Amino acid sequence: MTKIVLDKVPAEMIILFGSYAPGDWVEDYQKKYEYVSDFDILIVTKYRDTSLRTV
């Protein structure tokens, strides 16, 4: 996931938080429903508008 983010955005920092950070994620599959934890990430960039960067 880090590589995908860095290929698209000049990230200074990528922070994983939520249930995946401490390892408390859930993957529960039953006949009638499915509950799977999502990824919560915070991407910190140097500039507010990343479309202005030069590649």
PDB file of N, CA and C in Angstrom:
ATOM      1  N   MET A   1       0.822  -1.181   0.000  1.00  0.00           N
ATOM      2  CA  MET A   1       0.000   0.000   0.000  1.00  0.00           C
ATOM      3  C   MET A   1       0.871   1.252   0.000  1.00  0.00           C
ATOM      4  N   THR A   2       1.972   1.209   0.713  1.00  0.00           N
ATOM      5  CA  THR A   2       2.880   2.354   0.771  1.00  0.00           C
ATOM      6  C   THR A   2       3.400   2.715  -0.609  1.00  0.00           C
ATOM      7  N   LYS A   3       3.790   1.728  -1.388  1.00  0.00           N
ATOM      8  CA  LYS A   3       4.307   1.986  -2.735  1.00  0.00           C
ATOM      9  C   LYS A   3       3.246   2.623  -3.620  1.00  0.00           C
ATOM     10  N   ILE A   4       2.013   2.169  -3.525  1.00  0.00           N
ATOM     11  CA  ILE A   4       0.916   2.736  -4.320  1.00  0.00           C
ATOM     12  C   ILE A   4       0.741   4.209  -3.987  1.00  0.00           C
ATOM     13  N   VAL A   5       0.746   4.543  -2.697  1.00  0.00           N
ATOM     14  CA  VAL A   5       0.598   5.939  -2.268  1.00  0.00           C
ATOM     15  C   VAL A   5       1.766   6.770  -2.777  1.00  0.00           C
ATOM     16  N   LEU A   6       2.987   6.283  -2.583  1.00  0.00           N
ATOM     17  CA  LEU A   6       4.173   7.056  -2.973  1.00  0.00           C
ATOM     18  C   LEU A   6       4.289   7.233  -4.488  1.00  0.00           C
ATOM     19  N   ASP A   7       3.720   6.321  -5.266  1.00  0.00           N
ATOM     20  CA  ASP A   7       3.702   6.478  -6.719  1.00  0.00           C
ATOM     21  C   ASP A   7       2.764   7.599  -7.160  1.00  0.00           C
ATOM     22  N   LYS A   8       1.791   7.943  -6.326  1.00  0.00           N
ATOM     23  CA  LYS A   8       0.775   8.942  -6.682  1.00  0.00           C
ATOM     24  C   LYS A   8       0.962  10.293  -6.002  1.00  0.00           C
ATOM     25  N   VAL A   9       1.523  10.289  -4.785  1.00  0.00           N
ATOM     26  CA  VAL A   9       1.574  11.501  -3.963  1.00  0.00           C
ATOM     27  C   VAL A   9       2.963  11.633  -3.330  1.00  0.00           C
ATOM     28  N   PRO A  10       3.504  12.858  -3.285  1.00  0.00           N
ATOM     29  CA  PRO A  10       4.783  13.054  -2.602  1.00  0.00           C
ATOM     30  C   PRO A  10       4.576  13.088  -1.082  1.00  0.00           C
ATOM     31  N   ALA A  11       4.388  11.936  -0.490  1.00  0.00           N
ATOM     32  CA  ALA A  11       4.050  11.849   0.931  1.00  0.00           C
ATOM     33  C   ALA A  11       5.280  12.055   1.810  1.00  0.00           C
ATOM     34  N   GLU A  12       5.114  12.859   2.828  1.00  0.00           N
ATOM     35  CA  GLU A  12       6.148  13.051   3.844  1.00  0.00           C
ATOM     36  C   GLU A  12       6.028  11.963   4.912  1.00  0.00           C
ATOM     37  N   MET A  13       4.780  11.541   5.154  1.00  0.00           N
ATOM     38  CA  MET A  13       4.522  10.570   6.200  1.00  0.00           C
ATOM     39  C   MET A  13       3.227   9.826   5.869  1.00  0.00           C
ATOM     40  N   ILE A  14       3.200   8.525   6.127  1.00  0.00           N
ATOM     41  CA  ILE A  14       1.995   7.715   5.960  1.00  0.00           C
ATOM     42  C   ILE A  14       1.736   7.041   7.302  1.00  0.00           C
ATOM     43  N   ILE A  15       0.565   7.312   7.869  1.00  0.00           N
ATOM     44  CA  ILE A  15       0.253   6.801   9.201  1.00  0.00           C
ATOM     45  C   ILE A  15      -0.933   5.841   9.110  1.00  0.00           C
ATOM     46  N   LEU A  16      -0.737   4.624   9.599  1.00  0.00           N
ATOM     47  CA  LEU A  16      -1.806   3.646   9.701  1.00  0.00           C
ATOM     48  C   LEU A  16      -2.374   3.730  11.109  1.00  0.00           C
ATOM     49  N   PHE A  17      -3.696   3.904  11.205  1.00  0.00           N
ATOM     50  CA  PHE A  17      -4.341   3.931  12.515  1.00  0.00           C
ATOM     51  C   PHE A  17      -5.625   3.118  12.427  1.00  0.00           C
ATOM     52  N   GLY A  18      -6.382   3.085  13.464  1.00  0.00           N
ATOM     53  CA  GLY A  18      -7.586   2.264  13.482  1.00  0.00           C
ATOM     54  C   GLY A  18      -7.248   0.835  13.876  1.00  0.00           C
ATOM     55  N   SER A  19      -8.118  -0.087  13.531  1.00  0.00           N
ATOM     56  CA  SER A  19      -7.981  -1.460  14.024  1.00  0.00           C
ATOM     57  C   SER A  19      -6.776  -2.209  13.460  1.00  0.00           C
ATOM     58  N   TYR A  20      -6.300  -1.838  12.276  1.00  0.00           N
ATOM     59  CA  TYR A  20      -5.141  -2.532  11.719  1.00  0.00           C
ATOM     60  C   TYR A  20      -3.836  -2.159  12.430  1.00  0.00           C
ATOM     61  N   ALA A  21      -3.742  -0.961  12.974  1.00  0.00           N
ATOM     62  CA  ALA A  21      -2.496  -0.520  13.619  1.00  0.00           C
ATOM     63  C   ALA A  21      -2.082  -1.427  14.784  1.00  0.00           C
ATOM     64  N   PRO A  22      -2.970  -1.712  15.739  1.00  0.00           N
ATOM     65  CA  PRO A  22      -2.554  -2.595  16.832  1.00  0.00           C
ATOM     66  C   PRO A  22      -2.779  -4.085  16.529  1.00  0.00           C
ATOM     67  N   GLY A  23      -3.356  -4.378  15.357  1.00  0.00           N
ATOM     68  CA  GLY A  23      -3.591  -5.771  14.989  1.00  0.00           C
ATOM     69  C   GLY A  23      -4.941  -6.306  15.441  1.00  0.00           C
ATOM     70  N   ASP A  24      -5.918  -5.415  15.619  1.00  0.00           N
ATOM     71  CA  ASP A  24      -7.250  -5.825  16.082  1.00  0.00           C
ATOM     72  C   ASP A  24      -8.281  -5.869  14.961  1.00  0.00           C
ATOM     73  N   TRP A  25      -7.854  -6.093  13.730  1.00  0.00           N
ATOM     74  CA  TRP A  25      -8.802  -6.070  12.631  1.00  0.00           C
ATOM     75  C   TRP A  25      -9.736  -7.278  12.685  1.00  0.00           C
ATOM     76  N   VAL A  26     -10.840  -7.168  11.941  1.00  0.00           N
ATOM     77  CA  VAL A  26     -11.863  -8.207  11.947  1.00  0.00           C
ATOM     78  C   VAL A  26     -12.125  -8.669  10.530  1.00  0.00           C
ATOM     79  N   GLU A  27     -12.198  -9.967  10.357  1.00  0.00           N
ATOM     80  CA  GLU A  27     -12.663 -10.562   9.112  1.00  0.00           C
ATOM     81  C   GLU A  27     -13.670 -11.633   9.513  1.00  0.00           C
ATOM     82  N   ASP A  28     -14.947 -11.275   9.458  1.00  0.00           N
ATOM     83  CA  ASP A  28     -16.012 -12.166   9.921  1.00  0.00           C
ATOM     84  C   ASP A  28     -16.978 -12.414   8.771  1.00  0.00           C
ATOM     85  N   TYR A  29     -17.037 -13.644   8.306  1.00  0.00           N
ATOM     86  CA  TYR A  29     -17.909 -14.002   7.203  1.00  0.00           C
ATOM     87  C   TYR A  29     -18.973 -14.977   7.710  1.00  0.00           C
ATOM     88  N   GLN A  30     -20.209 -14.594   7.590  1.00  0.00           N
ATOM     89  CA  GLN A  30     -21.337 -15.450   7.960  1.00  0.00           C
ATOM     90  C   GLN A  30     -22.198 -15.651   6.726  1.00  0.00           C
ATOM     91  N   LYS A  31     -23.192 -16.507   6.823  1.00  0.00           N
ATOM     92  CA  LYS A  31     -24.071 -16.772   5.681  1.00  0.00           C
ATOM     93  C   LYS A  31     -24.859 -15.535   5.253  1.00  0.00           C
ATOM     94  N   LYS A  32     -25.275 -14.728   6.217  1.00  0.00           N
ATOM     95  CA  LYS A  32     -26.156 -13.600   5.908  1.00  0.00           C
ATOM     96  C   LYS A  32     -25.432 -12.267   5.800  1.00  0.00           C
ATOM     97  N   TYR A  33     -24.209 -12.166   6.302  1.00  0.00           N
ATOM     98  CA  TYR A  33     -23.515 -10.883   6.267  1.00  0.00           C
ATOM     99  C   TYR A  33     -22.007 -11.082   6.224  1.00  0.00           C
ATOM    100  N   GLU A  34     -21.338 -10.009   5.932  1.00  0.00           N
ATOM    101  CA  GLU A  34     -19.876 -10.001   5.906  1.00  0.00           C
ATOM    102  C   GLU A  34     -19.405  -8.730   6.608  1.00  0.00           C
ATOM    103  N   TYR A  35     -18.489  -8.861   7.563  1.00  0.00           N
ATOM    104  CA  TYR A  35     -17.936  -7.704   8.244  1.00  0.00           C
ATOM    105  C   TYR A  35     -16.423  -7.787   8.182  1.00  0.00           C
ATOM    106  N   VAL A  36     -15.826  -6.814   7.510  1.00  0.00           N
ATOM    107  CA  VAL A  36     -14.377  -6.788   7.351  1.00  0.00           C
ATOM    108  C   VAL A  36     -13.896  -5.380   7.684  1.00  0.00           C
ATOM    109  N   SER A  37     -12.865  -5.281   8.510  1.00  0.00           N
ATOM    110  CA  SER A  37     -12.315  -3.974   8.873  1.00  0.00           C
ATOM    111  C   SER A  37     -11.738  -3.274   7.648  1.00  0.00           C
ATOM    112  N   ASP A  38     -11.828  -1.960   7.638  1.00  0.00           N
ATOM    113  CA  ASP A  38     -11.227  -1.172   6.566  1.00  0.00           C
ATOM    114  C   ASP A  38      -9.868  -0.655   7.022  1.00  0.00           C
ATOM    115  N   PHE A  39      -9.145  -0.063   6.087  1.00  0.00           N
ATOM    116  CA  PHE A  39      -7.846   0.540   6.402  1.00  0.00           C
ATOM    117  C   PHE A  39      -8.054   2.022   6.683  1.00  0.00           C
ATOM    118  N   ASP A  40      -7.517   2.503   7.775  1.00  0.00           N
ATOM    119  CA  ASP A  40      -7.551   3.921   8.120  1.00  0.00           C
ATOM    120  C   ASP A  40      -6.138   4.446   7.990  1.00  0.00           C
ATOM    121  N   ILE A  41      -5.925   5.337   7.005  1.00  0.00           N
ATOM    122  CA  ILE A  41      -4.587   5.887   6.811  1.00  0.00           C
ATOM    123  C   ILE A  41      -4.659   7.405   6.718  1.00  0.00           C
ATOM    124  N   LEU A  42      -3.608   8.034   7.187  1.00  0.00           N
ATOM    125  CA  LEU A  42      -3.436   9.481   7.093  1.00  0.00           C
ATOM    126  C   LEU A  42      -2.178   9.715   6.274  1.00  0.00           C
ATOM    127  N   ILE A  43      -2.298  10.517   5.229  1.00  0.00           N
ATOM    128  CA  ILE A  43      -1.158  10.829   4.372  1.00  0.00           C
ATOM    129  C   ILE A  43      -0.819  12.301   4.556  1.00  0.00           C
ATOM    130  N   VAL A  44       0.396  12.563   5.019  1.00  0.00           N
ATOM    131  CA  VAL A  44       0.857  13.927   5.240  1.00  0.00           C
ATOM    132  C   VAL A  44       1.755  14.308   4.067  1.00  0.00           C
ATOM    133  N   THR A  45       1.433  15.436   3.420  1.00  0.00           N
ATOM    134  CA  THR A  45       2.230  15.932   2.304  1.00  0.00           C
ATOM    135  C   THR A  45       2.849  17.275   2.665  1.00  0.00           C
ATOM    136  N   LYS A  46       3.883  17.627   1.954  1.00  0.00           N
ATOM    137  CA  LYS A  46       4.550  18.903   2.211  1.00  0.00           C
ATOM    138  C   LYS A  46       3.689  20.062   1.701  1.00  0.00           C
ATOM    139  N   TYR A  47       3.009  19.842   0.582  1.00  0.00           N
ATOM    140  CA  TYR A  47       2.196  20.895  -0.027  1.00  0.00           C
ATOM    141  C   TYR A  47       0.732  20.527   0.039  1.00  0.00           C
ATOM    142  N   ARG A  48      -0.108  21.516   0.164  1.00  0.00           N
ATOM    143  CA  ARG A  48      -1.547  21.317   0.262  1.00  0.00           C
ATOM    144  C   ARG A  48      -2.110  20.759  -1.039  1.00  0.00           C
ATOM    145  N   ASP A  49      -1.707  21.298  -2.170  1.00  0.00           N
ATOM    146  CA  ASP A  49      -2.225  20.886  -3.472  1.00  0.00           C
ATOM    147  C   ASP A  49      -1.158  20.027  -4.173  1.00  0.00           C
ATOM    148  N   THR A  50      -1.321  18.725  -4.156  1.00  0.00           N
ATOM    149  CA  THR A  50      -0.309  17.833  -4.732  1.00  0.00           C
ATOM    150  C   THR A  50      -0.330  17.842  -6.257  1.00  0.00           C
ATOM    151  N   SER A  51      -1.358  18.428  -6.878  1.00  0.00           N
ATOM    152  CA  SER A  51      -1.380  18.486  -8.341  1.00  0.00           C
ATOM    153  C   SER A  51      -0.351  19.494  -8.884  1.00  0.00           C
ATOM    154  N   LEU A  52       0.217  20.327  -8.013  1.00  0.00           N
ATOM    155  CA  LEU A  52       1.187  21.328  -8.432  1.00  0.00           C
ATOM    156  C   LEU A  52       2.616  20.793  -8.499  1.00  0.00           C
ATOM    157  N   ARG A  53       2.824  19.576  -8.045  1.00  0.00           N
ATOM    158  CA  ARG A  53       4.194  19.040  -8.029  1.00  0.00           C
ATOM    159  C   ARG A  53       4.681  18.764  -9.451  1.00  0.00           C
ATOM    160  N   THR A  54       5.972  18.819  -9.638  1.00  0.00           N
ATOM    161  CA  THR A  54       6.562  18.480 -10.922  1.00  0.00           C
ATOM    162  C   THR A  54       7.195  17.110 -10.822  1.00  0.00           C
ATOM    163  N   VAL A  55       7.043  16.337 -11.867  1.00  0.00           N
ATOM    164  CA  VAL A  55       7.565  14.979 -11.852  1.00  0.00           C
ATOM    165  C   VAL A  55       8.808  14.907 -12.709  1.00  0.00           C
TER     166      VAL A  55
END
